[in-house]
N, C-alpha and C. Protein backbone atom coordinates (compact mmCIF):
# COMPACT_ATOMS: atom_id res chain seq x y z
N MET A 1 -7.71 -1.16 49.64
CA MET A 1 -8.83 -1.74 49.05
C MET A 1 -7.70 -1.78 47.64
N ALA A 2 -8.28 -3.17 47.29
CA ALA A 2 -7.51 -3.32 46.13
C ALA A 2 -8.59 -3.06 44.94
N THR A 3 -7.69 -2.59 43.66
CA THR A 3 -8.38 -1.90 42.39
C THR A 3 -8.14 -2.71 41.48
N LYS A 4 -9.12 -2.68 40.08
CA LYS A 4 -8.58 -3.27 38.94
C LYS A 4 -8.59 -2.09 37.88
N THR A 5 -8.49 -2.36 36.81
CA THR A 5 -9.06 -1.51 35.61
C THR A 5 -10.11 -1.69 34.68
N LYS A 6 -10.85 -1.41 34.33
CA LYS A 6 -12.00 -1.60 33.64
C LYS A 6 -12.20 -0.64 32.25
N GLU A 7 -12.33 -1.60 31.02
CA GLU A 7 -12.27 -0.30 29.69
C GLU A 7 -14.06 -0.06 29.53
N ILE A 8 -13.93 1.31 29.52
CA ILE A 8 -15.38 2.01 29.23
C ILE A 8 -15.83 1.48 28.02
N ILE A 9 -15.01 1.86 26.69
CA ILE A 9 -15.06 1.11 25.80
C ILE A 9 -13.85 -0.13 25.39
N PRO A 10 -14.54 -1.19 24.97
CA PRO A 10 -13.57 -2.34 24.96
C PRO A 10 -12.13 -1.98 24.04
N THR A 11 -11.09 -2.23 24.24
CA THR A 11 -9.69 -1.85 22.95
C THR A 11 -10.10 -2.39 21.83
N ALA A 12 -11.01 -3.55 21.77
CA ALA A 12 -11.14 -4.39 20.71
C ALA A 12 -11.83 -3.65 19.36
N ILE A 13 -12.60 -2.48 20.52
CA ILE A 13 -13.45 -1.70 19.38
C ILE A 13 -12.60 -0.56 18.77
N THR A 14 -12.16 -0.10 19.80
CA THR A 14 -11.22 1.15 19.95
C THR A 14 -10.49 0.91 18.70
N GLY A 15 -9.57 -0.32 18.88
CA GLY A 15 -8.51 -0.75 17.85
C GLY A 15 -8.98 -0.51 16.26
N ALA A 16 -10.03 -1.30 16.49
CA ALA A 16 -10.87 -1.62 15.21
C ALA A 16 -11.43 -0.57 14.45
N PHE A 17 -11.90 0.63 15.24
CA PHE A 17 -11.96 1.79 14.60
C PHE A 17 -10.69 2.46 14.23
N LEU A 18 -9.60 2.60 14.80
CA LEU A 18 -8.42 3.06 14.29
C LEU A 18 -7.94 2.26 12.98
N ALA A 19 -8.10 0.84 13.22
CA ALA A 19 -7.59 0.14 11.88
C ALA A 19 -8.38 0.50 10.71
N GLY A 20 -9.30 0.85 10.83
CA GLY A 20 -10.21 0.90 9.61
C GLY A 20 -10.06 2.22 8.92
N LEU A 21 -9.41 3.69 9.59
CA LEU A 21 -8.85 4.62 9.40
C LEU A 21 -7.71 4.28 8.74
N THR A 22 -7.43 3.43 8.83
CA THR A 22 -6.18 3.51 7.80
C THR A 22 -6.26 3.31 6.32
N ALA A 23 -7.73 2.53 6.12
CA ALA A 23 -8.29 2.88 4.52
C ALA A 23 -8.24 3.75 3.87
N ALA A 24 -8.29 4.84 4.33
CA ALA A 24 -8.75 6.27 4.00
C ALA A 24 -7.56 6.75 3.22
N PHE A 25 -6.14 6.43 4.07
CA PHE A 25 -5.01 7.21 3.04
C PHE A 25 -4.25 5.54 3.04
N VAL A 26 -4.62 4.68 2.94
CA VAL A 26 -3.98 3.49 2.16
C VAL A 26 -4.68 3.25 0.83
N ILE A 27 -5.93 2.51 0.79
CA ILE A 27 -6.64 2.33 -0.44
C ILE A 27 -7.17 3.54 -1.51
N SER A 28 -6.25 3.10 -2.68
CA SER A 28 -6.27 3.90 -3.78
C SER A 28 -7.77 4.30 -4.04
N GLY A 29 -8.25 5.56 -4.28
CA GLY A 29 -9.66 5.51 -4.50
C GLY A 29 -10.76 5.86 -3.27
N VAL A 30 -10.01 5.52 -2.59
CA VAL A 30 -11.11 6.21 -1.14
C VAL A 30 -10.50 7.72 -1.13
N LEU A 31 -9.55 8.53 -1.36
CA LEU A 31 -9.72 9.29 -1.33
C LEU A 31 -9.34 9.96 -2.63
N PRO A 32 -9.66 11.22 -3.13
CA PRO A 32 -9.54 11.68 -4.35
C PRO A 32 -8.34 12.17 -4.65
N LYS A 33 -7.70 12.01 -5.69
CA LYS A 33 -6.70 12.38 -6.40
C LYS A 33 -6.30 13.75 -6.25
N PRO A 34 -5.56 14.74 -5.55
CA PRO A 34 -4.43 13.88 -5.46
C PRO A 34 -3.92 13.84 -3.74
N TYR A 35 -5.05 13.36 -3.42
CA TYR A 35 -5.19 13.29 -1.83
C TYR A 35 -4.88 11.35 -1.34
N ALA A 36 -5.03 11.02 -2.90
CA ALA A 36 -4.77 9.33 -2.64
C ALA A 36 -3.33 9.14 -2.19
N LEU A 37 -2.97 8.74 -0.66
CA LEU A 37 -1.42 8.59 -0.50
C LEU A 37 -0.79 7.20 -0.89
N MET A 38 -1.83 6.21 -1.02
CA MET A 38 -0.94 4.80 -1.21
C MET A 38 -0.10 4.62 -0.36
N PHE A 39 -0.38 5.09 1.22
CA PHE A 39 0.51 4.59 2.14
C PHE A 39 0.39 3.10 2.16
N PRO A 40 1.46 2.39 2.66
CA PRO A 40 1.35 1.06 3.19
C PRO A 40 1.05 0.92 4.89
N PRO A 41 0.00 -0.19 4.49
CA PRO A 41 -0.74 -0.12 5.77
C PRO A 41 0.08 -0.94 7.11
N TRP A 42 1.03 -1.74 6.34
CA TRP A 42 1.89 -2.59 7.40
C TRP A 42 2.74 -1.79 8.21
N GLY A 43 3.28 -0.66 7.55
CA GLY A 43 3.96 0.45 8.16
C GLY A 43 3.08 0.65 9.50
N VAL A 44 2.17 1.13 9.64
CA VAL A 44 1.08 1.44 10.67
C VAL A 44 1.02 0.71 11.88
N PHE A 45 0.65 -0.89 11.11
CA PHE A 45 0.09 -1.86 12.19
C PHE A 45 1.61 -2.39 12.86
N ILE A 46 3.03 -2.41 12.09
CA ILE A 46 3.86 -2.87 12.86
C ILE A 46 4.57 -2.01 14.20
N THR A 47 4.52 -0.88 13.90
CA THR A 47 5.05 0.16 14.80
C THR A 47 3.66 0.13 15.46
N TRP A 48 2.52 -0.21 15.35
CA TRP A 48 1.40 0.05 16.62
C TRP A 48 1.62 -1.24 17.19
N ALA A 49 1.87 -2.25 16.98
CA ALA A 49 2.05 -3.44 17.66
C ALA A 49 3.42 -3.38 18.66
N GLY A 50 4.70 -2.98 17.82
CA GLY A 50 6.09 -2.39 18.35
C GLY A 50 5.45 -1.04 19.43
N TYR A 51 4.31 -0.76 19.49
CA TYR A 51 4.19 0.70 20.70
C TYR A 51 4.07 -0.29 21.97
N PHE A 52 3.00 -1.00 21.91
CA PHE A 52 3.10 -1.71 22.98
C PHE A 52 4.32 -2.96 23.50
N ALA A 53 4.85 -3.51 22.60
CA ALA A 53 5.94 -4.26 22.50
C ALA A 53 7.34 -3.60 23.34
N ALA A 54 6.99 -2.21 22.95
CA ALA A 54 8.21 -1.09 23.52
C ALA A 54 7.60 -0.78 24.82
N GLY A 55 6.87 -1.16 25.48
CA GLY A 55 6.13 -0.88 26.67
C GLY A 55 5.38 0.58 26.81
N GLY A 56 4.77 0.33 25.74
CA GLY A 56 3.52 1.65 25.52
C GLY A 56 2.23 1.04 26.20
N GLY A 57 1.24 1.71 26.63
CA GLY A 57 -0.26 1.33 27.08
C GLY A 57 -0.40 1.49 28.50
N GLY A 58 0.51 1.55 29.17
CA GLY A 58 0.53 1.85 30.52
C GLY A 58 0.45 3.64 30.69
N LYS A 59 -0.10 3.59 31.99
CA LYS A 59 -0.04 5.30 32.39
C LYS A 59 1.26 5.63 32.69
N GLY A 60 1.55 6.97 32.14
CA GLY A 60 2.70 7.48 31.90
C GLY A 60 3.25 6.58 31.01
N GLN A 61 3.55 6.00 30.11
CA GLN A 61 4.43 5.63 29.19
C GLN A 61 4.33 5.98 28.19
N ALA A 62 3.69 6.45 27.60
CA ALA A 62 3.45 6.90 25.96
C ALA A 62 4.94 8.03 25.56
N MET A 63 4.96 8.90 26.39
CA MET A 63 6.44 9.67 25.79
C MET A 63 7.72 8.85 25.83
N PRO A 64 7.80 8.15 27.37
CA PRO A 64 9.12 7.40 26.94
C PRO A 64 9.35 6.21 26.00
N THR A 65 8.04 5.63 25.77
CA THR A 65 8.04 4.87 24.33
C THR A 65 7.84 5.59 23.04
N PHE A 66 7.25 6.76 23.13
CA PHE A 66 7.41 7.55 21.76
C PHE A 66 9.01 7.73 21.47
N LYS A 67 9.63 8.44 22.31
CA LYS A 67 11.05 8.72 22.40
C LYS A 67 11.67 7.60 21.84
N LYS A 68 11.57 6.42 22.79
CA LYS A 68 12.35 5.33 22.02
C LYS A 68 12.34 5.03 20.69
N MET A 69 11.31 4.76 19.96
CA MET A 69 10.52 4.45 18.89
C MET A 69 11.34 5.20 17.94
N TYR A 70 10.81 6.71 17.97
CA TYR A 70 10.82 7.36 16.75
C TYR A 70 12.33 7.94 16.23
N VAL A 71 13.24 8.06 17.31
CA VAL A 71 14.86 8.40 16.81
C VAL A 71 15.15 6.33 15.96
N ALA A 72 14.72 5.44 16.45
CA ALA A 72 15.46 4.35 15.80
C ALA A 72 14.49 4.11 14.51
N ILE A 73 13.15 4.70 14.57
CA ILE A 73 12.51 4.33 13.19
C ILE A 73 13.19 5.22 12.22
N LEU A 74 13.25 6.51 12.50
CA LEU A 74 13.86 7.22 11.34
C LEU A 74 15.87 6.58 11.05
N TRP A 75 16.65 6.18 12.15
CA TRP A 75 17.30 5.58 11.55
C TRP A 75 17.49 4.68 10.70
N GLY A 76 16.69 3.38 11.39
CA GLY A 76 16.30 2.43 10.17
C GLY A 76 15.94 2.94 8.73
N ASP A 77 14.99 3.96 8.82
CA ASP A 77 14.32 4.72 7.52
C ASP A 77 15.60 5.38 6.57
N ILE A 78 16.36 6.10 7.50
CA ILE A 78 17.38 6.48 6.51
C ILE A 78 18.55 5.55 5.92
N TRP A 79 18.84 4.31 6.71
CA TRP A 79 19.74 3.45 6.43
C TRP A 79 19.11 2.82 5.07
N GLY A 80 17.84 2.36 5.08
CA GLY A 80 16.76 1.76 4.07
C GLY A 80 16.82 2.60 2.76
N PHE A 81 17.03 4.06 3.03
CA PHE A 81 17.20 5.23 2.21
C PHE A 81 18.53 4.76 1.38
N ALA A 82 19.34 4.80 2.17
CA ALA A 82 20.66 4.90 1.49
C ALA A 82 20.95 3.33 0.67
N GLY A 83 20.51 2.33 1.46
CA GLY A 83 20.17 1.03 0.58
C GLY A 83 19.86 1.08 -0.83
N GLY A 84 18.33 1.59 -0.75
CA GLY A 84 17.79 2.05 -2.05
C GLY A 84 18.69 2.75 -3.04
N SER A 85 18.84 3.72 -2.94
CA SER A 85 20.07 4.46 -3.57
C SER A 85 21.16 4.23 -3.98
N LEU A 86 21.88 3.15 -2.88
CA LEU A 86 22.92 2.23 -3.77
C LEU A 86 22.23 1.17 -4.86
N MET A 87 21.07 0.91 -4.39
CA MET A 87 20.85 -0.21 -5.48
C MET A 87 20.52 0.25 -6.82
N ASN A 88 19.93 1.61 -6.87
CA ASN A 88 19.74 2.33 -7.97
C ASN A 88 20.82 2.25 -8.82
N ILE A 89 22.00 2.60 -8.06
CA ILE A 89 23.18 3.17 -8.68
C ILE A 89 24.13 1.74 -9.33
N VAL A 90 23.78 0.76 -8.48
CA VAL A 90 24.74 -0.46 -9.06
C VAL A 90 23.54 -1.36 -9.97
N ASN A 91 22.54 -1.75 -9.75
CA ASN A 91 21.68 -2.50 -10.18
C ASN A 91 21.75 -2.40 -11.86
N PRO A 92 21.86 -1.20 -12.32
CA PRO A 92 21.84 -1.26 -13.76
C PRO A 92 23.02 -1.74 -14.45
N HIS A 93 24.15 -1.88 -13.51
CA HIS A 93 25.24 -2.31 -14.29
C HIS A 93 25.39 -3.68 -14.00
N ALA A 94 24.69 -4.39 -13.42
CA ALA A 94 24.81 -5.64 -13.25
C ALA A 94 23.95 -6.59 -14.30
N ALA A 95 25.37 -7.70 -15.15
CA ALA A 95 25.01 -7.86 -16.23
C ALA A 95 23.52 -9.42 -16.45
N ASN A 96 23.27 -9.88 -15.20
CA ASN A 96 22.40 -10.39 -14.82
C ASN A 96 21.66 -10.47 -13.78
N LEU A 97 20.66 -11.45 -13.46
CA LEU A 97 19.92 -11.74 -12.41
C LEU A 97 20.69 -11.77 -11.13
N PRO A 98 21.60 -13.31 -11.16
CA PRO A 98 22.35 -13.69 -10.05
C PRO A 98 23.34 -12.44 -9.58
N LEU A 99 23.73 -11.96 -10.73
CA LEU A 99 24.81 -10.69 -10.58
C LEU A 99 24.24 -9.51 -9.50
N MET A 100 22.88 -9.26 -10.19
CA MET A 100 22.35 -8.41 -9.39
C MET A 100 22.08 -8.59 -7.98
N ILE A 101 21.26 -9.82 -7.60
CA ILE A 101 21.17 -10.33 -6.06
C ILE A 101 22.41 -10.51 -5.36
N PHE A 102 23.33 -10.81 -6.01
CA PHE A 102 24.89 -10.87 -5.55
C PHE A 102 25.22 -9.40 -5.07
N TYR A 103 25.33 -8.43 -5.57
CA TYR A 103 25.52 -7.08 -5.25
C TYR A 103 24.40 -6.52 -4.35
N ASP A 104 23.08 -6.71 -4.80
CA ASP A 104 22.54 -6.47 -3.44
C ASP A 104 22.51 -6.87 -1.84
N GLY A 105 22.63 -8.00 -1.93
CA GLY A 105 23.30 -8.83 -1.05
C GLY A 105 24.76 -8.12 0.10
N ILE A 106 25.98 -7.41 -1.16
CA ILE A 106 26.38 -7.00 -0.62
C ILE A 106 25.94 -5.53 -0.07
N ILE A 107 25.41 -4.79 -0.98
CA ILE A 107 24.99 -3.32 -0.42
C ILE A 107 23.78 -3.78 1.34
N ILE A 108 22.89 -4.67 1.31
CA ILE A 108 22.34 -4.97 2.83
C ILE A 108 23.36 -5.30 3.92
N PHE A 109 24.39 -5.86 3.34
CA PHE A 109 25.02 -6.22 4.61
C PHE A 109 26.20 -4.81 4.54
N LEU A 110 26.40 -3.86 3.76
CA LEU A 110 26.99 -2.83 4.39
C LEU A 110 26.08 -1.69 5.10
N VAL A 111 24.87 -1.41 4.46
CA VAL A 111 24.20 -0.72 5.12
C VAL A 111 23.49 -1.18 6.19
N ASN A 112 23.81 -2.51 6.45
CA ASN A 112 23.40 -2.95 7.82
C ASN A 112 24.37 -2.65 8.95
N GLN A 113 25.58 -2.31 8.43
CA GLN A 113 26.91 -2.30 9.74
C GLN A 113 26.19 -1.27 10.25
N PRO A 114 26.13 0.09 10.10
CA PRO A 114 25.83 1.40 10.92
C PRO A 114 24.46 1.24 11.73
N ILE A 115 23.71 0.32 10.95
CA ILE A 115 22.66 0.38 11.97
C ILE A 115 22.99 -0.74 13.30
N LEU A 116 23.46 -1.82 13.05
CA LEU A 116 24.01 -2.46 13.94
C LEU A 116 24.79 -2.40 14.66
N TRP A 117 26.19 -1.62 14.57
CA TRP A 117 26.99 -1.04 15.35
C TRP A 117 26.43 0.31 16.14
N GLY A 118 25.59 1.10 15.63
CA GLY A 118 25.03 2.10 15.88
C GLY A 118 24.22 1.96 17.08
N THR A 119 23.27 0.70 17.25
CA THR A 119 22.84 0.66 18.34
C THR A 119 23.65 0.08 19.41
N ARG A 120 24.88 -0.05 19.42
CA ARG A 120 26.02 -0.83 20.58
C ARG A 120 26.24 0.45 21.09
N TYR A 121 26.30 1.54 20.66
CA TYR A 121 27.58 2.85 20.62
C TYR A 121 26.58 4.06 20.76
N TRP A 122 25.25 4.38 20.27
CA TRP A 122 24.27 5.64 20.23
C TRP A 122 23.22 5.34 21.18
N ASN A 123 22.55 5.94 22.09
CA ASN A 123 21.92 5.45 23.42
C ASN A 123 20.63 5.42 22.69
N PRO A 124 20.44 7.01 21.79
CA PRO A 124 18.90 6.72 21.11
C PRO A 124 18.46 5.90 20.06
N ILE A 125 19.34 5.06 19.77
CA ILE A 125 18.14 4.03 18.54
C ILE A 125 18.97 2.40 19.49
N LYS A 126 18.72 2.41 20.66
CA LYS A 126 18.95 1.08 21.26
C LYS A 126 17.90 0.06 20.97
N TYR A 127 16.82 1.16 20.99
CA TYR A 127 15.16 -0.21 20.21
C TYR A 127 15.74 -0.64 18.92
N THR A 128 16.26 -1.71 18.83
CA THR A 128 16.45 -2.53 17.62
C THR A 128 15.35 -2.64 16.83
N PRO A 129 14.15 -3.14 17.36
CA PRO A 129 13.24 -3.45 16.52
C PRO A 129 12.33 -2.48 15.84
N ALA A 130 12.84 -0.93 16.25
CA ALA A 130 11.84 -0.17 15.75
C ALA A 130 12.90 0.65 14.40
N ILE A 131 14.38 0.04 14.83
CA ILE A 131 15.25 0.42 13.17
C ILE A 131 14.61 -0.36 12.48
N PHE A 132 14.14 -1.96 12.68
CA PHE A 132 13.70 -2.78 11.46
C PHE A 132 12.58 -2.13 11.29
N TYR A 133 11.80 -1.64 11.65
CA TYR A 133 10.41 -1.15 11.40
C TYR A 133 10.76 -0.26 10.17
N GLY A 134 11.56 0.50 10.49
CA GLY A 134 11.85 1.95 9.68
C GLY A 134 12.96 1.10 8.25
N PHE A 135 13.38 0.38 8.52
CA PHE A 135 14.26 0.09 7.18
C PHE A 135 13.48 -0.72 6.42
N ALA A 136 12.74 -2.08 7.06
CA ALA A 136 11.60 -2.89 6.32
C ALA A 136 10.41 -2.30 5.24
N THR A 137 10.34 -1.20 6.53
CA THR A 137 9.20 -0.41 5.71
C THR A 137 9.29 0.14 4.55
N PHE A 138 10.64 1.03 4.76
CA PHE A 138 10.94 1.71 3.38
C PHE A 138 11.33 1.10 2.33
N PHE A 139 12.07 -0.17 2.40
CA PHE A 139 11.87 -1.06 1.33
C PHE A 139 10.78 -1.55 0.82
N SER A 140 10.07 -1.84 1.50
CA SER A 140 8.62 -2.50 1.03
C SER A 140 7.90 -1.19 0.33
N THR A 141 7.90 0.03 0.86
CA THR A 141 7.24 1.29 0.20
C THR A 141 7.74 1.28 -1.27
N TYR A 142 9.30 1.51 -1.12
CA TYR A 142 9.76 2.07 -2.37
C TYR A 142 9.79 1.04 -3.34
N PHE A 143 9.98 -0.57 -3.07
CA PHE A 143 10.20 -1.43 -4.13
C PHE A 143 8.71 -2.41 -4.37
N GLY A 144 7.92 -1.65 -3.71
CA GLY A 144 6.46 -2.36 -3.44
C GLY A 144 5.80 -1.18 -4.58
N GLY A 145 5.96 0.01 -4.63
CA GLY A 145 5.31 0.88 -5.04
C GLY A 145 4.17 1.61 -4.72
N PHE A 146 4.82 1.75 -3.36
CA PHE A 146 3.44 2.73 -2.61
C PHE A 146 4.06 4.21 -2.53
N GLY A 147 3.61 4.73 -1.19
CA GLY A 147 4.12 6.01 -0.97
C GLY A 147 3.14 7.06 -1.98
N PHE A 148 2.98 8.32 -1.53
CA PHE A 148 2.29 9.51 -2.32
C PHE A 148 2.87 9.77 -3.62
N ILE A 149 3.81 9.18 -3.98
CA ILE A 149 4.45 9.28 -5.47
C ILE A 149 5.46 7.61 -5.53
N PRO A 150 4.48 6.77 -6.20
CA PRO A 150 5.11 5.57 -6.03
C PRO A 150 6.14 5.15 -7.08
N GLY A 151 7.33 4.78 -6.91
CA GLY A 151 8.34 4.96 -7.14
C GLY A 151 9.50 5.80 -6.97
N ASN A 152 9.07 6.75 -6.31
CA ASN A 152 10.05 8.27 -6.34
C ASN A 152 10.92 7.39 -4.76
N ILE A 153 11.97 7.65 -4.51
CA ILE A 153 12.81 7.12 -3.49
C ILE A 153 12.45 8.36 -2.43
N TYR A 154 12.35 9.23 -2.33
CA TYR A 154 12.42 10.63 -1.64
C TYR A 154 11.02 10.36 -1.18
N ALA A 155 9.69 10.00 -2.02
CA ALA A 155 8.40 10.25 -1.59
C ALA A 155 8.09 8.61 -0.67
N ALA A 156 9.30 7.53 -0.89
CA ALA A 156 9.02 6.51 -0.19
C ALA A 156 9.81 6.34 1.27
N PHE A 157 10.74 7.15 1.09
CA PHE A 157 11.34 7.57 2.51
C PHE A 157 10.14 8.54 3.35
N ILE A 158 9.70 9.46 3.18
CA ILE A 158 8.76 10.45 3.66
C ILE A 158 7.77 9.31 3.94
N SER A 159 7.09 8.59 3.11
CA SER A 159 5.94 7.89 3.12
C SER A 159 6.11 6.96 4.17
N SER A 160 7.48 6.31 4.01
CA SER A 160 7.64 4.71 5.02
C SER A 160 7.23 5.72 6.51
N PHE A 161 8.21 6.76 6.63
CA PHE A 161 8.43 7.44 8.17
C PHE A 161 7.03 7.64 8.48
N VAL A 162 6.43 8.20 7.61
CA VAL A 162 5.18 8.84 8.35
C VAL A 162 3.95 7.68 8.60
N VAL A 163 4.10 6.68 7.78
CA VAL A 163 3.31 5.42 8.40
C VAL A 163 3.74 5.02 9.76
N ASN A 164 5.11 4.65 9.58
CA ASN A 164 5.92 4.24 10.90
C ASN A 164 5.20 5.20 12.25
N ALA A 165 5.51 6.41 11.84
CA ALA A 165 5.25 7.70 13.27
C ALA A 165 3.43 7.33 13.77
N ILE A 166 2.94 7.16 12.86
CA ILE A 166 1.33 7.08 12.86
C ILE A 166 0.68 6.04 14.12
N GLY A 167 1.58 4.34 13.79
CA GLY A 167 1.67 3.30 14.45
C GLY A 167 1.69 3.48 15.96
N PRO A 168 2.39 4.32 16.77
CA PRO A 168 2.22 4.52 17.87
C PRO A 168 1.55 5.72 18.35
N ILE A 169 0.93 6.10 17.56
CA ILE A 169 0.07 7.20 17.97
C ILE A 169 -1.35 6.48 17.89
N PHE A 170 -1.06 5.33 17.15
CA PHE A 170 -2.94 4.58 17.19
C PHE A 170 -2.60 3.68 18.31
N GLY A 171 -1.21 3.20 18.86
CA GLY A 171 -1.50 2.56 19.89
C GLY A 171 -1.93 3.53 20.96
N TYR A 172 -1.54 4.33 21.19
CA TYR A 172 -1.74 5.23 22.25
C TYR A 172 -3.10 5.86 22.03
N LEU A 173 -3.73 6.02 21.12
CA LEU A 173 -4.95 6.48 21.09
C LEU A 173 -5.98 5.06 21.56
N GLN A 174 -5.70 3.97 21.06
CA GLN A 174 -6.31 2.44 21.27
C GLN A 174 -6.71 2.60 22.59
N VAL A 175 -5.64 3.15 23.53
CA VAL A 175 -6.04 2.91 25.32
C VAL A 175 -6.69 4.13 25.85
N ARG A 176 -6.48 5.13 25.12
CA ARG A 176 -6.93 6.43 25.47
C ARG A 176 -8.64 6.39 25.06
N MET A 177 -8.95 5.90 23.97
CA MET A 177 -10.02 5.97 23.38
C MET A 177 -11.33 5.11 24.36
N ALA A 178 -10.84 4.10 25.07
CA ALA A 178 -11.14 2.61 25.82
C ALA A 178 -11.41 3.34 27.07
N MET A 179 -10.51 4.57 27.44
CA MET A 179 -11.56 5.62 28.49
C MET A 179 -11.39 4.39 29.74
N ILE A 180 -10.09 3.75 30.06
CA ILE A 180 -9.76 3.13 31.44
C ILE A 180 -9.59 3.50 32.78
N LYS A 181 -10.72 2.99 33.51
CA LYS A 181 -10.73 3.56 34.37
C LYS A 181 -10.86 2.34 36.16
N GLU A 182 -10.26 2.88 37.01
CA GLU A 182 -9.82 1.86 38.20
C GLU A 182 -11.24 2.12 38.79
N VAL A 183 -11.18 0.46 39.48
CA VAL A 183 -12.64 0.27 39.93
C VAL A 183 -12.54 -0.74 41.16
N PRO A 184 -12.97 -1.00 42.12
CA PRO A 184 -12.64 -1.42 43.53
C PRO A 184 -12.66 -3.22 42.58
N ALA A 185 -12.00 -3.81 43.54
CA ALA A 185 -11.46 -5.39 42.59
C ALA A 185 -12.50 -6.10 43.13
């Protein structure tokens, strides 16, 4: 007998509930200081979508997807941190904006080399989109003034990894909370 899956609670509802939870640690003023985390919400949402793009959501797919994503996210975050650190060292010495942009372009080129070559030779970071999630979220957190200590490069590193780590968990929870069951077709 053929079967199909049925959601007890629509994933649109479970997803909207989880998305609403991000307001608690994203929007300034929702939580009182020192708990106002100022985490960037896009870090949660891009890795949440990335969880499904990486094959998560199906039965037995959570752990392989987590393994595929988390090391790669951290790899991107590390190289984003390296790029931000180099920019902090080099940019004050630029005589003008065009020169600073030129220097930053060279830095981005240089820190992308271990990212791209690493995916070729190191199996745990083969999932390139997750590297981009970590790298881009670090830059947007640090230079966008987000994180639990805005403008602090170390806080940006931790904050960006935390929000990227929450996304796949929310993807998993979205499916689990829907209480999907098999029914006759």
